[in-house]
Protein backbone atom coordinates (compact mmCIF):
# COMPACT_ATOMS: atom_id res chain seq x y z
CA MET A 1 -131.55 27.10 69.60
CA LYS A 2 -135.21 28.08 69.67
CA SER A 3 -136.00 31.62 70.85
CA ASP A 4 -138.71 31.03 73.47
CA TYR A 5 -140.60 34.29 72.96
CA PHE A 6 -140.97 33.83 69.21
CA TYR A 7 -142.35 30.31 69.62
CA ASP A 8 -144.55 31.15 72.60
CA ILE A 9 -146.56 33.76 70.70
CA ALA A 10 -147.41 31.43 67.79
CA GLU A 11 -150.70 29.57 67.71
CA LYS A 12 -151.85 27.09 65.07
CA VAL A 13 -155.57 27.65 64.50
CA SER A 14 -158.12 28.19 61.71
CA ILE A 15 -158.40 31.85 60.77
CA HIS A 16 -162.20 31.46 60.46
CA ASP A 17 -162.47 30.12 64.00
CA TYR A 18 -160.28 32.90 65.33
CA ILE A 19 -162.11 35.77 63.62
CA GLU A 20 -165.56 34.43 64.59
CA LYS A 21 -164.81 35.23 68.25
CA LEU A 22 -163.78 38.86 67.66
CA ASP A 23 -165.79 41.90 68.68
CA GLY A 24 -166.12 45.45 67.31
CA ARG A 25 -163.04 46.92 68.93
CA VAL A 26 -160.74 45.30 66.37
CA LEU A 27 -159.18 46.83 63.23
CA PHE A 28 -158.52 44.09 60.66
CA ILE A 29 -156.00 45.24 58.04
CA TYR A 30 -155.81 42.96 55.03
CA SER A 31 -154.07 42.46 51.72
CA PRO A 32 -156.69 42.34 48.93
CA THR A 33 -154.85 39.54 47.11
CA SER A 34 -154.83 37.48 50.31
CA LEU A 35 -158.50 38.13 51.05
CA GLU A 36 -159.38 36.93 47.54
CA LYS A 37 -158.12 33.47 48.44
CA ILE A 38 -160.52 32.88 51.35
CA ASP A 39 -163.81 34.36 52.53
CA ILE A 40 -163.33 35.72 56.06
CA ARG A 41 -165.69 38.69 56.28
CA HIS A 42 -167.08 39.38 59.74
CA SER A 43 -169.60 42.19 60.36
CA LYS A 44 -168.59 42.97 63.94
CA ILE A 45 -165.08 44.26 63.19
CA LEU A 46 -163.61 47.01 61.03
CA PHE A 47 -161.98 45.74 57.82
CA LYS A 48 -159.45 47.95 56.03
CA ASN A 49 -157.52 47.35 52.80
CA TRP A 50 -153.86 48.24 53.50
CA HIS A 51 -153.69 50.12 50.18
CA HIS A 52 -156.25 52.56 51.56
CA ILE A 53 -153.95 53.26 54.51
CA SER A 54 -150.69 53.20 52.51
CA LYS A 55 -147.10 52.58 53.62
CA ASN A 56 -146.45 56.31 53.89
CA VAL A 57 -145.78 57.19 57.54
CA GLU A 58 -147.41 60.63 57.25
CA LYS A 59 -150.61 59.12 55.81
CA ILE A 60 -150.63 56.34 58.41
CA ASP A 61 -150.31 58.94 61.18
CA GLU A 62 -153.31 60.80 59.77
CA TYR A 63 -155.30 57.56 59.62
CA ILE A 64 -154.42 56.76 63.23
CA LYS A 65 -156.13 59.98 64.32
CA THR A 66 -159.42 58.63 62.97
CA LEU A 67 -159.34 55.46 65.04
CA ASN A 68 -161.57 55.44 68.11
CA ASN A 69 -161.90 52.72 70.76
CA ILE A 70 -159.72 50.28 68.81
CA GLU A 71 -158.12 47.83 71.24
CA GLU A 72 -156.43 45.41 68.85
CA ILE A 73 -154.86 45.45 65.40
CA ILE A 74 -155.00 42.26 63.32
CA THR A 75 -153.29 41.91 59.96
CA PHE A 76 -153.82 39.31 57.27
CA GLY A 77 -151.35 39.39 54.39
CA GLY A 78 -147.65 39.62 53.63
CA GLY A 79 -144.86 42.01 54.56
CA SER A 80 -146.51 45.33 53.71
CA THR A 81 -149.65 44.53 55.69
CA ILE A 82 -147.61 43.33 58.65
CA ASP A 83 -145.38 46.43 58.67
CA ILE A 84 -148.39 48.75 58.76
CA GLY A 85 -149.98 46.73 61.57
CA LYS A 86 -146.80 46.75 63.63
CA TYR A 87 -146.46 50.49 63.26
CA ILE A 88 -150.07 51.38 64.11
CA SER A 89 -150.21 49.07 67.12
CA SER A 90 -146.91 50.48 68.35
CA GLN A 91 -148.11 54.07 68.00
CA LEU A 92 -151.39 53.29 69.83
CA ASN A 93 -149.73 50.94 72.31
CA ILE A 94 -152.35 48.24 71.75
CA LYS A 95 -152.35 44.51 71.08
CA TYR A 96 -151.17 43.33 67.66
CA THR A 97 -152.05 39.93 66.17
CA CYS A 98 -150.41 38.85 62.93
CA ILE A 99 -151.94 36.29 60.56
CA PRO A 100 -149.45 35.67 57.74
CA SER A 101 -151.08 34.66 54.47
CA MET A 102 -147.68 33.64 53.15
CA LEU A 103 -144.13 33.14 54.41
CA SER A 104 -142.31 35.23 51.82
CA THR A 105 -140.81 37.45 54.52
CA ASN A 106 -139.80 37.20 58.17
CA ALA A 107 -141.65 40.43 59.01
CA TYR A 108 -143.89 38.52 61.44
CA ALA A 109 -140.87 37.77 63.64
CA THR A 110 -139.22 41.19 63.91
CA ASP A 111 -139.91 44.49 65.64
CA LYS A 112 -139.02 46.52 62.53
CA ALA A 113 -141.41 48.11 60.03
CA ALA A 114 -140.30 48.93 56.48
CA LEU A 115 -142.27 52.04 55.51
CA ILE A 116 -141.94 55.27 53.49
CA LYS A 117 -141.14 58.65 55.01
CA ASN A 118 -140.41 61.83 53.08
CA GLU A 119 -140.57 59.74 49.88
CA LYS A 120 -137.76 57.47 51.09
CA LYS A 121 -137.80 53.89 52.32
CA VAL A 122 -137.12 53.77 56.05
CA THR A 123 -136.93 51.08 58.71
CA ILE A 124 -138.73 52.05 61.90
CA VAL A 125 -138.55 50.26 65.24
CA ALA A 126 -142.13 49.24 66.02
CA LYS A 127 -143.03 46.10 67.97
CA MET A 128 -143.18 42.35 67.73
CA PRO A 129 -146.62 40.83 67.31
CA ASP A 130 -148.24 39.84 70.59
CA LYS A 131 -149.66 36.79 68.84
CA ILE A 132 -149.09 35.03 65.51
CA ILE A 133 -151.90 32.92 64.09
CA ILE A 134 -150.79 30.12 61.79
CA ASP A 135 -153.43 28.63 59.51
CA ASP A 136 -151.85 25.75 57.62
CA GLU A 137 -154.62 25.63 55.02
CA VAL A 138 -154.15 29.31 54.20
CA LEU A 139 -150.38 28.98 53.88
CA LYS A 140 -150.79 26.07 51.46
CA LEU A 141 -152.29 28.57 48.99
CA SER A 142 -148.93 30.41 48.71
CA LYS A 143 -146.42 27.64 48.13
CA ASP A 144 -144.14 29.62 45.79
CA GLU A 145 -144.02 32.61 48.13
CA ASN A 146 -143.21 30.35 51.09
CA LEU A 147 -140.24 28.91 49.22
CA TYR A 148 -139.05 32.45 48.46
CA GLY A 149 -139.04 33.10 52.19
CA LEU A 150 -137.00 29.98 52.85
CA ALA A 151 -134.52 31.01 50.14
CA ASP A 152 -134.07 34.34 51.93
CA VAL A 153 -132.84 32.45 55.02
CA LEU A 154 -129.96 31.13 52.91
CA SER A 155 -128.58 34.67 52.81
CA ILE A 156 -127.01 33.83 56.17
CA HIS A 157 -124.45 31.88 54.12
CA THR A 158 -122.96 35.00 52.52
CA ALA A 159 -123.86 37.45 55.31
CA LEU A 160 -121.83 35.64 57.96
CA TYR A 161 -118.81 35.51 55.66
CA ASP A 162 -119.20 39.25 55.05
CA TRP A 163 -119.19 39.71 58.83
CA LYS A 164 -115.87 37.84 59.04
CA ILE A 165 -114.48 40.07 56.28
CA ALA A 166 -115.60 43.16 58.21
CA ASN A 167 -113.84 41.81 61.29
CA GLU A 168 -110.62 41.23 59.34
CA ASP A 169 -110.62 44.51 57.40
CA ILE A 170 -112.10 47.08 59.77
CA LYS A 171 -112.09 45.20 63.10
CA GLU A 172 -115.89 45.08 63.37
CA THR A 173 -116.77 43.03 66.44
CA ILE A 174 -118.44 39.66 65.87
CA ASP A 175 -121.07 38.67 68.44
CA LYS A 176 -120.09 35.02 68.81
CA GLU A 177 -123.42 33.90 70.29
CA ILE A 178 -125.46 35.52 67.50
CA TYR A 179 -123.00 34.31 64.88
CA GLU A 180 -123.34 30.72 66.10
CA LYS A 181 -127.15 30.95 66.28
CA ALA A 182 -127.29 32.10 62.67
CA LYS A 183 -124.76 29.48 61.54
CA HIS A 184 -126.68 26.72 63.29
CA LEU A 185 -129.94 27.85 61.69
CA LEU A 186 -128.33 27.93 58.25
CA ASN A 187 -127.05 24.36 58.65
CA GLU A 188 -130.49 23.22 59.83
CA VAL A 189 -132.12 24.72 56.76
CA LEU A 190 -129.55 23.31 54.34
CA GLU A 191 -129.90 19.83 55.87
CA PHE A 192 -133.70 20.08 55.73
CA ILE A 193 -133.60 20.98 52.04
CA GLN A 194 -130.99 18.33 51.27
CA ASP A 195 -132.75 15.51 53.14
CA ASN A 196 -136.30 16.06 51.87
CA SER A 197 -138.11 16.04 48.56
CA LEU A 198 -139.43 19.31 47.18
CA GLU A 199 -142.96 18.00 47.69
CA HIS A 200 -142.28 17.46 51.40
CA ILE A 201 -140.61 20.86 51.76
CA VAL A 202 -143.56 22.80 50.31
CA GLU A 203 -145.99 20.91 52.56
CA SER A 204 -143.97 21.62 55.74
CA ASN A 205 -145.47 25.01 56.54
CA MET A 206 -144.81 24.90 60.29
CA LYS A 207 -141.18 24.05 59.63
CA LEU A 208 -140.86 26.89 57.13
CA PHE A 209 -142.59 29.24 59.57
CA GLN A 210 -140.04 28.33 62.24
CA PHE A 211 -136.99 28.63 59.98
CA ILE A 212 -138.02 31.95 58.42
CA GLY A 213 -139.20 33.40 61.71
CA GLU A 214 -136.07 32.33 63.56
CA ALA A 215 -133.92 34.17 61.01
CA GLY A 216 -135.89 37.34 61.65
CA TYR A 217 -135.81 36.91 65.39
CA ILE A 218 -132.02 36.52 65.38
CA THR A 219 -131.75 39.98 63.83
CA ASN A 220 -134.03 41.24 66.61
CA LEU A 221 -131.70 39.81 69.22
CA TYR A 222 -128.68 41.41 67.58
CA GLY A 223 -130.34 44.72 66.79
CA THR A 224 -129.53 44.91 63.07
CA GLY A 225 -129.73 42.65 60.01
CA ARG A 226 -125.97 41.93 60.02
CA PRO A 227 -126.36 38.16 60.77
CA GLU A 228 -128.49 37.53 57.67
CA SER A 229 -128.06 40.52 55.39
CA GLY A 230 -124.87 41.37 53.57
CA SER A 231 -123.54 41.62 50.04
CA GLU A 232 -126.26 39.36 48.65
CA HIS A 233 -128.90 41.90 49.66
CA ILE A 234 -126.91 44.70 48.04
CA MET A 235 -127.10 42.71 44.81
CA ALA A 236 -130.79 41.91 45.31
CA LYS A 237 -131.61 45.59 45.83
CA GLU A 238 -129.73 46.50 42.66
CA ILE A 239 -131.74 43.95 40.66
CA GLU A 240 -135.02 45.08 42.22
CA ARG A 241 -134.17 48.67 41.28
CA ARG A 242 -134.30 47.58 37.64
CA ILE A 243 -137.24 45.17 37.63
CA ASP A 244 -140.17 44.28 39.86
CA MET A 245 -139.71 40.70 40.98
CA PRO A 246 -140.03 38.48 44.08
CA HIS A 247 -137.32 39.18 46.63
CA GLY A 248 -136.69 35.44 47.04
CA ILE A 249 -135.49 35.25 43.43
CA SER A 250 -133.34 38.38 43.49
CA VAL A 251 -131.71 37.47 46.79
CA SER A 252 -130.97 33.95 45.49
CA ILE A 253 -129.12 35.54 42.56
CA GLY A 254 -127.36 37.72 45.13
CA ILE A 255 -126.34 34.75 47.26
CA LEU A 256 -124.93 32.72 44.37
CA SER A 257 -123.05 35.60 42.75
CA MET A 258 -121.59 36.76 46.08
CA VAL A 259 -120.43 33.26 46.99
CA LEU A 260 -118.28 33.44 43.85
CA LEU A 261 -117.07 36.97 44.65
CA GLN A 262 -116.14 35.69 48.11
CA ASN A 263 -114.12 32.97 46.31
CA ARG A 264 -115.95 30.13 48.07
CA ASN A 265 -117.36 26.79 46.99
CA ILE A 266 -120.82 27.24 45.48
CA THR A 267 -121.89 23.57 45.30
CA ARG A 268 -124.02 23.18 48.45
CA ILE A 269 -125.85 26.49 48.33
CA LEU A 270 -126.44 26.16 44.58
CA GLY A 271 -127.87 22.68 45.12
CA ALA A 272 -130.33 23.99 47.71
CA ILE A 273 -131.56 26.84 45.48
CA GLN A 274 -131.84 24.56 42.47
CA LYS A 275 -133.74 21.94 44.44
CA MET A 276 -136.35 24.53 45.44
CA LYS A 277 -136.54 25.65 41.77
CA ILE A 278 -136.34 29.27 42.91
CA LEU A 279 -134.88 30.57 39.65
CA GLU A 280 -137.02 28.65 37.20
CA SER A 281 -139.67 31.35 36.94
CA SER A 282 -137.19 34.25 36.90
CA SER A 283 -137.48 34.98 33.18
CA LYS A 284 -141.25 35.62 33.40
CA PHE A 285 -140.47 38.57 35.67
CA GLY A 286 -138.07 39.94 33.08
CA LEU A 287 -134.81 38.82 34.65
CA SER A 288 -132.06 38.36 32.06
CA ALA A 289 -128.33 37.81 31.93
CA GLU A 290 -127.95 41.43 30.87
CA ILE A 291 -129.79 42.76 33.93
CA ILE A 292 -127.78 40.51 36.24
CA GLU A 293 -124.49 41.61 34.70
CA LYS A 294 -125.37 45.30 34.85
CA SER A 295 -126.53 44.98 38.44
CA PHE A 296 -123.37 43.17 39.50
CA LEU A 297 -121.02 45.63 37.79
CA ASN A 298 -122.95 48.58 39.22
CA LEU A 299 -122.71 47.47 42.86
CA THR A 300 -121.57 50.01 45.43
CA PRO A 301 -120.85 49.29 49.11
CA ARG A 302 -123.41 49.99 51.82
CA ILE A 303 -122.21 52.88 53.94
CA ASP A 304 -123.32 51.18 57.16
CA ARG A 305 -122.34 47.57 56.41
CA TYR A 306 -118.90 46.42 55.26
CA THR A 307 -119.01 43.41 52.89
CA ILE A 308 -117.08 41.69 50.13
CA VAL A 309 -118.28 44.48 47.82
CA ASN A 310 -115.96 46.89 49.66
CA ARG A 311 -112.97 44.77 48.73
CA HIS A 312 -113.79 44.89 45.02
CA THR A 313 -115.09 48.42 44.53
CA GLU A 314 -112.38 49.39 42.06
CA ASN A 315 -111.48 45.97 40.67
CA MET A 316 -113.90 45.92 37.73
CA GLU A 317 -111.95 43.35 35.72
CA HIS A 318 -112.25 40.82 38.51
CA ARG A 319 -115.95 41.55 38.83
CA LYS A 320 -116.42 40.88 35.12
CA LYS A 321 -114.70 37.50 35.43
CA VAL A 322 -116.85 36.56 38.44
CA ILE A 323 -120.15 37.42 36.78
CA GLU A 324 -119.12 35.59 33.61
CA SER A 325 -118.45 32.50 35.73
CA PHE A 326 -121.78 32.91 37.47
CA LEU A 327 -123.73 33.12 34.22
CA LYS A 328 -122.01 29.95 32.97
CA ILE A 329 -123.02 28.11 36.14
CA VAL A 330 -126.67 29.16 35.95
CA ASP A 331 -128.46 27.26 33.21
CA LYS A 332 -129.55 29.27 30.15
CA GLN A 333 -133.01 27.80 30.47
CA ILE A 334 -133.39 29.60 33.79
CA ILE A 335 -131.99 33.00 32.82
CA THR A 336 -132.62 34.11 29.25
CA LYS A 337 -130.22 36.14 27.13
């Protein structure tokens, strides 16, 4: 099921070797936390901290006006860095090379940029990277973040069921080819997690890169996030509105709680999330049973995406029973009172 373009643009190489060959017509946008992990300064190219550019579209547009003779954008970091690089390279119509420092997001495999415009979060169509550089040694420095990215792929489990619900309730058309691609990927990921030790999983960076990237690329093929984003992301967004925490944790809570709201068996997906120990650090970010319950009971449907939440908008008593069941399933050592 591999998407040829996504795999063709990826190259496994040392970031030091790659940067050494660059000349002065390159803008290198970096995440400061990523640059702290390795020393990759190079005097011939322009280095820019993404915080000094910002994610604000108006500020980025002003910065673009200052760029002269730049022929290539390279980014080194996570999702925010990648989104800025995709947008600038798209606006200038120049080459874009992405060097992920972690696999916490599938941003490297999509043509969308999540930015801020008029003080609101927006998703802008930009461009896919022309090249993705994979440095295995660099990715090994972000093992937790890489697992968060893999957990996000598991959202296909609830998103596809939401798609079926939308088809039943409002006759939304299901793209059978995309649906089957996403379903096949989900099964591959679940089998990979089930059949391997956690130690092997965290060391399999190329495999994680492929799984996470393929999930993003499937949404590219379809045109929206429908194949991998549904009710679980509504829940994740509600949690993230209350506390600042890794998306991989909040979306895992979303997946598990929505599986129960969808009245489905939770065993396999729970086993995968528990095996990766995604929730074990949740309390240090301030996640509690109270926040989860408030988030769940406060859920409102997405205007543009019909999900299981639409079916239970008014049925608050049922929601209370579901979240009580969820909190009993999740060990108290993971989520504090």
